[in-house]
Amino acid sequence: MSALKIKTGDTVKVIAGKDKDKEGKVLKVDVKNHKVLVEGINMVVKHAKPSAANQQGGIVNKEAFIDASNVMLLHNGKATRVGFKMDGDKKVRVAKATGEVIDK
């Protein structure tokens, strides 16, 4: 499997699914299953039992993972594909739309 082009902390735009055209920050990346957890995207309802951490229990709204292929990285406010390039001896991400280096 190729390297995942989305990292934790990136701002992404959803390009497919029920939350299409919404934007959010990546909270977690699951490289093995090729999925990302995005803030405020793919909200699901969970029924939680009362526990020590959650005394009340009840219905909880939380984010669920979304496939990484359904999001695009936002660079300078514009959705772009991501490529890789060698910058000296360091591998860096590059925005395909502009050719700019994303992470220094």
N, C-alpha and C. Protein backbone atom coordinates (compact mmCIF):
# COMPACT_ATOMS: atom_id res chain seq x y z
N MET A 1 0.85 -1.19 0.00
CA MET A 1 0.00 0.00 0.00
C MET A 1 0.89 1.25 0.00
N SER A 2 0.48 2.27 -0.73
CA SER A 2 1.25 3.50 -0.81
C SER A 2 1.11 4.32 0.47
N ALA A 3 1.97 5.29 0.61
CA ALA A 3 1.94 6.15 1.79
C ALA A 3 0.65 6.96 1.80
N LEU A 4 0.10 7.18 2.99
CA LEU A 4 -1.11 7.98 3.12
C LEU A 4 -0.74 9.45 2.97
N LYS A 5 -1.50 10.18 2.18
CA LYS A 5 -1.14 11.55 1.85
C LYS A 5 -1.77 12.57 2.78
N ILE A 6 -2.61 12.11 3.70
CA ILE A 6 -3.26 12.97 4.68
C ILE A 6 -2.64 12.68 6.05
N LYS A 7 -2.35 13.75 6.80
CA LYS A 7 -1.76 13.59 8.14
C LYS A 7 -2.67 14.22 9.19
N THR A 8 -2.47 13.84 10.45
CA THR A 8 -3.20 14.42 11.56
C THR A 8 -2.91 15.92 11.62
N GLY A 9 -3.96 16.71 11.78
CA GLY A 9 -3.81 18.17 11.85
C GLY A 9 -4.06 18.88 10.53
N ASP A 10 -4.10 18.14 9.42
CA ASP A 10 -4.39 18.74 8.12
C ASP A 10 -5.85 19.19 8.06
N THR A 11 -6.12 20.22 7.26
CA THR A 11 -7.49 20.63 6.98
C THR A 11 -7.88 20.00 5.65
N VAL A 12 -9.02 19.32 5.64
CA VAL A 12 -9.44 18.59 4.45
C VAL A 12 -10.87 18.98 4.05
N LYS A 13 -11.21 18.69 2.79
CA LYS A 13 -12.55 18.91 2.26
C LYS A 13 -13.10 17.56 1.84
N VAL A 14 -14.35 17.27 2.21
CA VAL A 14 -14.98 16.01 1.85
C VAL A 14 -15.48 16.13 0.41
N ILE A 15 -15.12 15.15 -0.44
CA ILE A 15 -15.49 15.22 -1.86
C ILE A 15 -16.55 14.19 -2.24
N ALA A 16 -16.94 13.33 -1.30
CA ALA A 16 -17.96 12.32 -1.60
C ALA A 16 -18.69 11.93 -0.32
N GLY A 17 -19.95 11.52 -0.47
CA GLY A 17 -20.71 11.04 0.67
C GLY A 17 -21.71 12.07 1.18
N LYS A 18 -22.32 11.77 2.32
CA LYS A 18 -23.40 12.61 2.85
C LYS A 18 -22.91 13.98 3.32
N ASP A 19 -21.62 14.11 3.63
CA ASP A 19 -21.06 15.38 4.09
C ASP A 19 -20.25 16.09 3.01
N LYS A 20 -20.58 15.84 1.74
CA LYS A 20 -19.83 16.42 0.62
C LYS A 20 -19.76 17.94 0.73
N ASP A 21 -18.59 18.50 0.41
CA ASP A 21 -18.29 19.94 0.42
C ASP A 21 -18.09 20.52 1.81
N LYS A 22 -18.14 19.72 2.86
CA LYS A 22 -17.84 20.21 4.20
C LYS A 22 -16.33 20.14 4.42
N GLU A 23 -15.84 20.99 5.33
CA GLU A 23 -14.41 21.02 5.63
C GLU A 23 -14.21 20.78 7.12
N GLY A 24 -13.05 20.22 7.46
CA GLY A 24 -12.74 19.97 8.86
C GLY A 24 -11.29 19.60 9.04
N LYS A 25 -10.89 19.51 10.31
CA LYS A 25 -9.52 19.19 10.67
C LYS A 25 -9.42 17.69 10.96
N VAL A 26 -8.34 17.06 10.50
CA VAL A 26 -8.14 15.62 10.72
C VAL A 26 -7.71 15.40 12.17
N LEU A 27 -8.47 14.58 12.89
CA LEU A 27 -8.18 14.28 14.28
C LEU A 27 -7.30 13.04 14.43
N LYS A 28 -7.54 12.05 13.56
CA LYS A 28 -6.82 10.78 13.67
C LYS A 28 -6.72 10.14 12.29
N VAL A 29 -5.65 9.41 12.05
CA VAL A 29 -5.45 8.72 10.78
C VAL A 29 -5.22 7.24 11.07
N ASP A 30 -5.98 6.37 10.40
CA ASP A 30 -5.82 4.92 10.52
C ASP A 30 -5.17 4.43 9.22
N VAL A 31 -3.84 4.29 9.24
CA VAL A 31 -3.09 3.95 8.03
C VAL A 31 -3.42 2.53 7.56
N LYS A 32 -3.59 1.62 8.50
CA LYS A 32 -3.85 0.21 8.15
C LYS A 32 -5.14 0.05 7.35
N ASN A 33 -6.20 0.74 7.77
CA ASN A 33 -7.50 0.62 7.11
C ASN A 33 -7.77 1.74 6.12
N HIS A 34 -6.80 2.65 5.94
CA HIS A 34 -6.90 3.75 4.97
C HIS A 34 -8.08 4.66 5.27
N LYS A 35 -8.26 5.02 6.55
CA LYS A 35 -9.38 5.86 6.97
C LYS A 35 -8.89 7.04 7.80
N VAL A 36 -9.71 8.11 7.81
CA VAL A 36 -9.39 9.30 8.60
C VAL A 36 -10.60 9.71 9.43
N LEU A 37 -10.33 10.33 10.58
CA LEU A 37 -11.37 10.85 11.46
C LEU A 37 -11.31 12.36 11.37
N VAL A 38 -12.39 12.98 10.87
CA VAL A 38 -12.41 14.42 10.62
C VAL A 38 -13.41 15.08 11.57
N GLU A 39 -12.99 16.20 12.15
CA GLU A 39 -13.79 16.95 13.12
C GLU A 39 -15.11 17.41 12.50
N GLY A 40 -16.25 16.97 13.08
CA GLY A 40 -17.57 17.40 12.64
C GLY A 40 -18.10 16.71 11.39
N ILE A 41 -17.39 15.72 10.88
CA ILE A 41 -17.79 15.02 9.66
C ILE A 41 -18.19 13.59 9.99
N ASN A 42 -19.20 13.07 9.28
CA ASN A 42 -19.69 11.70 9.46
C ASN A 42 -20.13 11.44 10.90
N MET A 43 -20.98 12.32 11.40
CA MET A 43 -21.48 12.20 12.78
C MET A 43 -22.44 11.02 12.88
N VAL A 44 -22.25 10.21 13.93
CA VAL A 44 -23.10 9.05 14.18
C VAL A 44 -23.62 9.12 15.61
N VAL A 45 -24.71 8.39 15.87
CA VAL A 45 -25.31 8.34 17.19
C VAL A 45 -24.90 7.04 17.87
N LYS A 46 -24.32 7.16 19.06
CA LYS A 46 -23.92 5.98 19.83
C LYS A 46 -24.75 5.96 21.12
N HIS A 47 -25.14 4.77 21.54
CA HIS A 47 -25.85 4.60 22.80
C HIS A 47 -24.86 4.09 23.82
N ALA A 48 -24.55 4.92 24.83
CA ALA A 48 -23.51 4.60 25.81
C ALA A 48 -24.14 4.14 27.12
N LYS A 49 -23.59 3.06 27.65
CA LYS A 49 -24.00 2.59 28.97
C LYS A 49 -23.37 3.49 30.04
N PRO A 50 -24.03 3.67 31.16
CA PRO A 50 -23.39 4.44 32.24
C PRO A 50 -22.11 3.73 32.70
N SER A 51 -21.06 4.51 32.92
CA SER A 51 -19.78 3.95 33.39
C SER A 51 -19.14 4.94 34.34
N ALA A 52 -17.96 4.62 34.82
CA ALA A 52 -17.25 5.52 35.73
C ALA A 52 -16.92 6.84 35.03
N ALA A 53 -16.54 6.76 33.78
CA ALA A 53 -16.19 7.97 33.02
C ALA A 53 -17.43 8.75 32.63
N ASN A 54 -18.50 8.03 32.26
CA ASN A 54 -19.74 8.68 31.82
C ASN A 54 -20.87 8.21 32.74
N GLN A 55 -21.08 8.94 33.83
CA GLN A 55 -22.08 8.54 34.85
C GLN A 55 -23.49 8.50 34.27
N GLN A 56 -23.80 9.45 33.41
CA GLN A 56 -25.16 9.58 32.90
C GLN A 56 -25.49 8.50 31.86
N GLY A 57 -24.54 8.20 30.95
CA GLY A 57 -24.85 7.29 29.85
C GLY A 57 -25.72 8.01 28.83
N GLY A 58 -26.51 7.27 28.08
CA GLY A 58 -27.45 7.89 27.14
C GLY A 58 -26.93 7.94 25.72
N ILE A 59 -27.49 8.86 24.94
CA ILE A 59 -27.19 8.96 23.52
C ILE A 59 -26.07 9.99 23.31
N VAL A 60 -25.04 9.58 22.56
CA VAL A 60 -23.88 10.43 22.32
C VAL A 60 -23.66 10.58 20.81
N ASN A 61 -23.48 11.82 20.35
CA ASN A 61 -23.11 12.08 18.96
C ASN A 61 -21.61 12.17 18.86
N LYS A 62 -21.01 11.42 17.92
CA LYS A 62 -19.56 11.48 17.75
C LYS A 62 -19.19 11.25 16.30
N GLU A 63 -17.94 11.60 15.96
CA GLU A 63 -17.46 11.41 14.59
C GLU A 63 -17.12 9.95 14.36
N ALA A 64 -17.31 9.50 13.13
CA ALA A 64 -16.90 8.15 12.73
C ALA A 64 -15.86 8.30 11.62
N PHE A 65 -15.08 7.25 11.42
CA PHE A 65 -14.04 7.28 10.39
C PHE A 65 -14.67 7.35 9.00
N ILE A 66 -13.96 8.01 8.08
CA ILE A 66 -14.36 8.13 6.69
C ILE A 66 -13.16 7.68 5.85
N ASP A 67 -13.42 7.09 4.70
CA ASP A 67 -12.32 6.60 3.87
C ASP A 67 -11.47 7.77 3.38
N ALA A 68 -10.17 7.57 3.37
CA ALA A 68 -9.23 8.62 2.99
C ALA A 68 -9.42 9.06 1.54
N SER A 69 -9.97 8.20 0.69
CA SER A 69 -10.18 8.55 -0.71
C SER A 69 -11.32 9.56 -0.87
N ASN A 70 -12.13 9.76 0.17
CA ASN A 70 -13.26 10.67 0.09
C ASN A 70 -12.93 12.08 0.59
N VAL A 71 -11.66 12.34 0.91
CA VAL A 71 -11.26 13.68 1.35
C VAL A 71 -10.09 14.17 0.51
N MET A 72 -10.01 15.50 0.36
CA MET A 72 -8.89 16.14 -0.34
C MET A 72 -8.27 17.17 0.58
N LEU A 73 -6.97 17.28 0.54
CA LEU A 73 -6.25 18.24 1.35
C LEU A 73 -6.54 19.66 0.87
N LEU A 74 -6.74 20.58 1.84
CA LEU A 74 -6.91 21.99 1.51
C LEU A 74 -5.56 22.68 1.69
N HIS A 75 -5.08 23.32 0.63
CA HIS A 75 -3.82 24.06 0.68
C HIS A 75 -4.10 25.47 0.20
N ASN A 76 -3.91 26.46 1.07
CA ASN A 76 -4.24 27.87 0.78
C ASN A 76 -5.71 28.02 0.40
N GLY A 77 -6.59 27.28 1.10
CA GLY A 77 -8.03 27.39 0.89
C GLY A 77 -8.56 26.68 -0.34
N LYS A 78 -7.72 25.92 -1.03
CA LYS A 78 -8.10 25.26 -2.27
C LYS A 78 -7.81 23.76 -2.16
N ALA A 79 -8.77 22.93 -2.57
CA ALA A 79 -8.58 21.48 -2.53
C ALA A 79 -7.56 21.08 -3.60
N THR A 80 -6.63 20.20 -3.21
CA THR A 80 -5.59 19.80 -4.14
C THR A 80 -5.20 18.35 -3.90
N ARG A 81 -4.72 17.72 -4.97
CA ARG A 81 -4.14 16.40 -4.82
C ARG A 81 -2.75 16.56 -4.22
N VAL A 82 -2.21 15.47 -3.69
CA VAL A 82 -0.92 15.54 -3.01
C VAL A 82 0.06 14.57 -3.67
N GLY A 83 1.27 15.05 -3.87
CA GLY A 83 2.33 14.20 -4.39
C GLY A 83 3.52 14.27 -3.44
N PHE A 84 4.55 13.49 -3.73
CA PHE A 84 5.75 13.49 -2.92
C PHE A 84 6.94 13.87 -3.79
N LYS A 85 7.92 14.53 -3.16
CA LYS A 85 9.12 14.95 -3.87
C LYS A 85 10.28 14.91 -2.88
N MET A 86 11.46 14.64 -3.38
CA MET A 86 12.65 14.66 -2.54
C MET A 86 13.19 16.09 -2.50
N ASP A 87 13.33 16.62 -1.30
CA ASP A 87 13.89 17.96 -1.08
C ASP A 87 15.23 17.76 -0.37
N GLY A 88 16.28 17.60 -1.16
CA GLY A 88 17.58 17.23 -0.60
C GLY A 88 17.52 15.77 -0.20
N ASP A 89 17.68 15.49 1.09
CA ASP A 89 17.59 14.10 1.57
C ASP A 89 16.28 13.85 2.30
N LYS A 90 15.33 14.81 2.21
CA LYS A 90 14.07 14.72 2.93
C LYS A 90 12.91 14.57 1.95
N LYS A 91 11.97 13.67 2.25
CA LYS A 91 10.78 13.46 1.42
C LYS A 91 9.69 14.41 1.92
N VAL A 92 9.17 15.27 1.03
CA VAL A 92 8.16 16.25 1.41
C VAL A 92 6.91 16.09 0.56
N ARG A 93 5.77 16.56 1.11
CA ARG A 93 4.52 16.55 0.36
C ARG A 93 4.43 17.80 -0.50
N VAL A 94 3.88 17.65 -1.71
CA VAL A 94 3.78 18.74 -2.65
C VAL A 94 2.33 18.84 -3.15
N ALA A 95 1.80 20.07 -3.23
CA ALA A 95 0.46 20.30 -3.78
C ALA A 95 0.54 20.18 -5.29
N LYS A 96 -0.25 19.29 -5.88
CA LYS A 96 -0.21 19.07 -7.31
C LYS A 96 -0.73 20.28 -8.09
N ALA A 97 -1.69 21.03 -7.51
CA ALA A 97 -2.28 22.17 -8.20
C ALA A 97 -1.29 23.31 -8.39
N THR A 98 -0.47 23.56 -7.37
CA THR A 98 0.44 24.71 -7.43
C THR A 98 1.91 24.31 -7.51
N GLY A 99 2.24 23.11 -7.09
CA GLY A 99 3.65 22.68 -7.06
C GLY A 99 4.37 23.12 -5.81
N GLU A 100 3.65 23.77 -4.87
CA GLU A 100 4.26 24.24 -3.63
C GLU A 100 4.46 23.11 -2.64
N VAL A 101 5.50 23.23 -1.81
CA VAL A 101 5.76 22.26 -0.75
C VAL A 101 4.76 22.54 0.37
N ILE A 102 4.09 21.47 0.85
CA ILE A 102 3.04 21.62 1.86
C ILE A 102 3.66 21.68 3.26
N ASP A 103 4.48 20.71 3.61
CA ASP A 103 5.10 20.71 4.93
C ASP A 103 6.60 20.94 4.79
N LYS A 104 7.09 21.86 5.56
CA LYS A 104 8.50 22.23 5.48
C LYS A 104 9.39 21.24 6.16
